[in-house]
Amino acid sequence: MGAPQFTIVGLDHLVLRVRDLAAALEFYCGTLGCTVEREQAALGLTQLRAGRSLIDLVTADGPLGERTASGGGGPNLEHFCLSIAPFEERALRAHLAARGIAAGATEARYGAEGEGPSLYLEDPEGNRIELKAAQRAGER
């Protein structure tokens, strides 16, 4: 198998399901010093700035949190996102397909470096991973 035609630049964000948003905000903001960057109440999503990265909190009973809670349980980690460069969709899809990995639709999504194209895939254990285009300085 050939080497990928991209490089992981860093962790863009991770998404945690939370049962008690207020307690999570107190911990991540009050204790660890994160700040609220963006809220999307309709999705049950609160995005916290953690240095160059984001920690996204999704309420367990909200639209995003319910997606992972089939049967009332579900993983605490909704997904994590890796920034990659370059994000050349055709080459990336060919690379993944050659390894038998299906990828979701490419869409513009918001992350630690701003809006940009990304897609989702799963690892062999079923963990959801987002690959997102790294933004160059000045593009944010």
C-alpha atoms as a PDB file:
ATOM      1  CA  MET A   1       0.000   0.000   0.000  1.00  0.00           C
ATOM      2  CA  GLY A   2       1.282   3.422  -0.905  1.00  0.00           C
ATOM      3  CA  ALA A   3       1.832   6.246   1.527  1.00  0.00           C
ATOM      4  CA  PRO A   4      -0.969   8.787   1.896  1.00  0.00           C
ATOM      5  CA  GLN A   5      -0.726  11.933  -0.172  1.00  0.00           C
ATOM      6  CA  PHE A   6      -1.412  14.123   2.854  1.00  0.00           C
ATOM      7  CA  THR A   7       0.084  14.875   6.264  1.00  0.00           C
ATOM      8  CA  ILE A   8      -1.744  15.104   9.594  1.00  0.00           C
ATOM      9  CA  VAL A   9      -1.200  18.653  10.798  1.00  0.00           C
ATOM     10  CA  GLY A  10      -2.828  18.234  14.211  1.00  0.00           C
ATOM     11  CA  LEU A  11      -5.975  17.545  16.157  1.00  0.00           C
ATOM     12  CA  ASP A  12      -8.634  20.020  15.035  1.00  0.00           C
ATOM     13  CA  HIS A  13     -11.331  19.082  17.543  1.00  0.00           C
ATOM     14  CA  LEU A  14     -12.985  16.299  19.462  1.00  0.00           C
ATOM     15  CA  VAL A  15     -16.646  15.922  20.274  1.00  0.00           C
ATOM     16  CA  LEU A  16     -17.871  14.691  23.659  1.00  0.00           C
ATOM     17  CA  ARG A  17     -21.395  13.649  24.602  1.00  0.00           C
ATOM     18  CA  VAL A  18     -22.383  15.163  27.944  1.00  0.00           C
ATOM     19  CA  ARG A  19     -25.378  14.500  30.205  1.00  0.00           C
ATOM     20  CA  ASP A  20     -24.959  17.716  32.203  1.00  0.00           C
ATOM     21  CA  LEU A  21     -23.889  20.640  30.019  1.00  0.00           C
ATOM     22  CA  ALA A  22     -23.634  23.078  32.946  1.00  0.00           C
ATOM     23  CA  ALA A  23     -21.271  20.769  34.840  1.00  0.00           C
ATOM     24  CA  ALA A  24     -19.199  20.176  31.702  1.00  0.00           C
ATOM     25  CA  LEU A  25     -18.934  23.924  31.066  1.00  0.00           C
ATOM     26  CA  GLU A  26     -17.896  24.520  34.668  1.00  0.00           C
ATOM     27  CA  PHE A  27     -15.174  21.882  34.338  1.00  0.00           C
ATOM     28  CA  TYR A  28     -13.816  22.780  30.894  1.00  0.00           C
ATOM     29  CA  CYS A  29     -14.182  26.561  31.246  1.00  0.00           C
ATOM     30  CA  GLY A  30     -14.041  27.141  35.004  1.00  0.00           C
ATOM     31  CA  THR A  31     -11.402  24.536  35.830  1.00  0.00           C
ATOM     32  CA  LEU A  32      -9.358  24.151  32.644  1.00  0.00           C
ATOM     33  CA  GLY A  33      -9.737  27.670  31.239  1.00  0.00           C
ATOM     34  CA  CYS A  34     -11.446  26.943  27.919  1.00  0.00           C
ATOM     35  CA  THR A  35     -13.724  29.630  26.507  1.00  0.00           C
ATOM     36  CA  VAL A  36     -17.051  29.295  24.713  1.00  0.00           C
ATOM     37  CA  GLU A  37     -16.403  30.009  21.045  1.00  0.00           C
ATOM     38  CA  ARG A  38     -19.729  29.137  19.448  1.00  0.00           C
ATOM     39  CA  GLU A  39     -23.103  27.679  20.380  1.00  0.00           C
ATOM     40  CA  GLN A  40     -25.662  25.970  18.154  1.00  0.00           C
ATOM     41  CA  ALA A  41     -28.580  25.287  20.471  1.00  0.00           C
ATOM     42  CA  ALA A  42     -30.681  23.621  17.760  1.00  0.00           C
ATOM     43  CA  LEU A  43     -28.013  20.913  17.504  1.00  0.00           C
ATOM     44  CA  GLY A  44     -27.291  20.751  21.242  1.00  0.00           C
ATOM     45  CA  LEU A  45     -23.709  21.844  20.420  1.00  0.00           C
ATOM     46  CA  THR A  46     -21.359  24.109  22.383  1.00  0.00           C
ATOM     47  CA  GLN A  47     -17.860  24.624  20.984  1.00  0.00           C
ATOM     48  CA  LEU A  48     -15.048  25.481  23.385  1.00  0.00           C
ATOM     49  CA  ARG A  49     -11.677  26.945  22.443  1.00  0.00           C
ATOM     50  CA  ALA A  50      -8.799  24.837  23.808  1.00  0.00           C
ATOM     51  CA  GLY A  51      -5.634  26.493  22.502  1.00  0.00           C
ATOM     52  CA  ARG A  52      -5.412  25.802  18.759  1.00  0.00           C
ATOM     53  CA  SER A  53      -8.109  23.121  19.010  1.00  0.00           C
ATOM     54  CA  LEU A  54     -11.771  22.903  19.931  1.00  0.00           C
ATOM     55  CA  ILE A  55     -13.615  20.680  22.369  1.00  0.00           C
ATOM     56  CA  ASP A  56     -17.196  20.332  21.203  1.00  0.00           C
ATOM     57  CA  LEU A  57     -19.801  19.375  23.784  1.00  0.00           C
ATOM     58  CA  VAL A  58     -23.003  17.794  22.499  1.00  0.00           C
ATOM     59  CA  THR A  59     -25.870  17.192  24.874  1.00  0.00           C
ATOM     60  CA  ALA A  60     -26.726  13.488  25.141  1.00  0.00           C
ATOM     61  CA  ASP A  61     -30.402  14.240  24.470  1.00  0.00           C
ATOM     62  CA  GLY A  62     -29.751  16.641  21.570  1.00  0.00           C
ATOM     63  CA  PRO A  63     -29.749  15.831  17.835  1.00  0.00           C
ATOM     64  CA  LEU A  64     -25.999  15.159  17.636  1.00  0.00           C
ATOM     65  CA  GLY A  65     -25.797  13.364  20.978  1.00  0.00           C
ATOM     66  CA  GLU A  66     -28.765  11.118  20.237  1.00  0.00           C
ATOM     67  CA  ARG A  67     -27.075   9.901  17.053  1.00  0.00           C
ATOM     68  CA  THR A  68     -24.524   7.995  19.119  1.00  0.00           C
ATOM     69  CA  ALA A  69     -26.846   6.952  21.925  1.00  0.00           C
ATOM     70  CA  SER A  70     -28.686   4.088  20.243  1.00  0.00           C
ATOM     71  CA  GLY A  71     -30.327   2.005  22.910  1.00  0.00           C
ATOM     72  CA  GLY A  72     -29.802   4.677  25.562  1.00  0.00           C
ATOM     73  CA  GLY A  73     -26.074   4.000  25.963  1.00  0.00           C
ATOM     74  CA  GLY A  74     -23.557   4.875  23.331  1.00  0.00           C
ATOM     75  CA  PRO A  75     -20.004   6.067  23.313  1.00  0.00           C
ATOM     76  CA  ASN A  76     -18.987   9.244  25.076  1.00  0.00           C
ATOM     77  CA  LEU A  77     -16.825  10.300  22.137  1.00  0.00           C
ATOM     78  CA  GLU A  78     -18.942  11.303  19.131  1.00  0.00           C
ATOM     79  CA  HIS A  79     -15.925  11.754  16.822  1.00  0.00           C
ATOM     80  CA  PHE A  80     -12.517  13.339  16.586  1.00  0.00           C
ATOM     81  CA  CYS A  81     -11.168  15.461  13.762  1.00  0.00           C
ATOM     82  CA  LEU A  82      -7.713  15.508  12.222  1.00  0.00           C
ATOM     83  CA  SER A  83      -6.486  18.480  10.194  1.00  0.00           C
ATOM     84  CA  ILE A  84      -4.784  17.285   7.025  1.00  0.00           C
ATOM     85  CA  ALA A  85      -2.846  18.970   4.243  1.00  0.00           C
ATOM     86  CA  PRO A  86      -3.309  18.964   1.420  1.00  0.00           C
ATOM     87  CA  PHE A  87      -7.016  18.179   1.252  1.00  0.00           C
ATOM     88  CA  GLU A  88      -7.253  16.928  -2.313  1.00  0.00           C
ATOM     89  CA  GLU A  89     -10.591  15.166  -2.322  1.00  0.00           C
ATOM     90  CA  ARG A  90     -10.056  12.956  -5.359  1.00  0.00           C
ATOM     91  CA  ALA A  91      -6.655  11.684  -4.160  1.00  0.00           C
ATOM     92  CA  LEU A  92      -7.927  11.289  -0.594  1.00  0.00           C
ATOM     93  CA  ARG A  93     -10.944   9.246  -1.687  1.00  0.00           C
ATOM     94  CA  ALA A  94      -8.768   7.068  -3.936  1.00  0.00           C
ATOM     95  CA  HIS A  95      -6.356   6.467  -1.057  1.00  0.00           C
ATOM     96  CA  LEU A  96      -9.178   5.448   1.287  1.00  0.00           C
ATOM     97  CA  ALA A  97     -10.985   3.321  -1.323  1.00  0.00           C
ATOM     98  CA  ALA A  98      -7.771   1.401  -2.055  1.00  0.00           C
ATOM     99  CA  ARG A  99      -7.870   0.311   1.581  1.00  0.00           C
ATOM    100  CA  GLY A 100     -11.544  -0.579   1.526  1.00  0.00           C
ATOM    101  CA  ILE A 101     -12.554   2.465   3.586  1.00  0.00           C
ATOM    102  CA  ALA A 102     -15.794   4.225   2.725  1.00  0.00           C
ATOM    103  CA  ALA A 103     -15.965   7.963   3.303  1.00  0.00           C
ATOM    104  CA  GLY A 104     -18.992  10.194   3.707  1.00  0.00           C
ATOM    105  CA  ALA A 105     -19.853  13.270   1.693  1.00  0.00           C
ATOM    106  CA  THR A 106     -17.441  16.175   1.638  1.00  0.00           C
ATOM    107  CA  GLU A 107     -19.056  19.232   3.177  1.00  0.00           C
ATOM    108  CA  ALA A 108     -17.944  22.585   4.569  1.00  0.00           C
ATOM    109  CA  ARG A 109     -17.784  22.296   8.365  1.00  0.00           C
ATOM    110  CA  TYR A 110     -16.592  24.556  11.150  1.00  0.00           C
ATOM    111  CA  GLY A 111     -13.551  23.595  13.207  1.00  0.00           C
ATOM    112  CA  ALA A 112     -10.712  25.099  15.231  1.00  0.00           C
ATOM    113  CA  GLU A 113      -9.250  26.765  12.136  1.00  0.00           C
ATOM    114  CA  GLY A 114     -12.587  27.981  10.780  1.00  0.00           C
ATOM    115  CA  GLU A 115     -14.828  26.701   7.993  1.00  0.00           C
ATOM    116  CA  GLY A 116     -13.447  24.189   5.534  1.00  0.00           C
ATOM    117  CA  PRO A 117     -14.082  20.980   3.630  1.00  0.00           C
ATOM    118  CA  SER A 118     -14.154  17.712   5.546  1.00  0.00           C
ATOM    119  CA  LEU A 119     -15.398  14.153   5.347  1.00  0.00           C
ATOM    120  CA  TYR A 120     -16.115  11.369   7.827  1.00  0.00           C
ATOM    121  CA  LEU A 121     -14.910   7.779   7.970  1.00  0.00           C
ATOM    122  CA  GLU A 122     -14.677   5.050  10.609  1.00  0.00           C
ATOM    123  CA  ASP A 123     -11.706   3.153  11.989  1.00  0.00           C
ATOM    124  CA  PRO A 124     -11.816  -0.663  12.366  1.00  0.00           C
ATOM    125  CA  GLU A 125     -13.331  -0.303  15.855  1.00  0.00           C
ATOM    126  CA  GLY A 126     -16.175   1.871  14.580  1.00  0.00           C
ATOM    127  CA  ASN A 127     -14.767   5.158  15.929  1.00  0.00           C
ATOM    128  CA  ARG A 128     -15.904   8.065  13.781  1.00  0.00           C
ATOM    129  CA  ILE A 129     -13.110  10.274  12.403  1.00  0.00           C
ATOM    130  CA  GLU A 130     -13.401  13.541  10.515  1.00  0.00           C
ATOM    131  CA  LEU A 131     -10.612  14.539   8.119  1.00  0.00           C
ATOM    132  CA  LYS A 132     -10.662  18.311   7.616  1.00  0.00           C
ATOM    133  CA  ALA A 133      -8.604  20.579   5.412  1.00  0.00           C
ATOM    134  CA  ALA A 134      -5.935  22.423   7.368  1.00  0.00           C
ATOM    135  CA  GLN A 135      -6.287  26.171   6.880  1.00  0.00           C
ATOM    136  CA  ARG A 136      -3.220  28.162   5.991  1.00  0.00           C
ATOM    137  CA  ALA A 137      -2.329  31.241   8.007  1.00  0.00           C
ATOM    138  CA  GLY A 138      -4.451  34.163   6.885  1.00  0.00           C
ATOM    139  CA  GLU A 139      -7.310  31.990   5.582  1.00  0.00           C
ATOM    140  CA  ARG A 140      -9.253  32.032   8.861  1.00  0.00           C
END
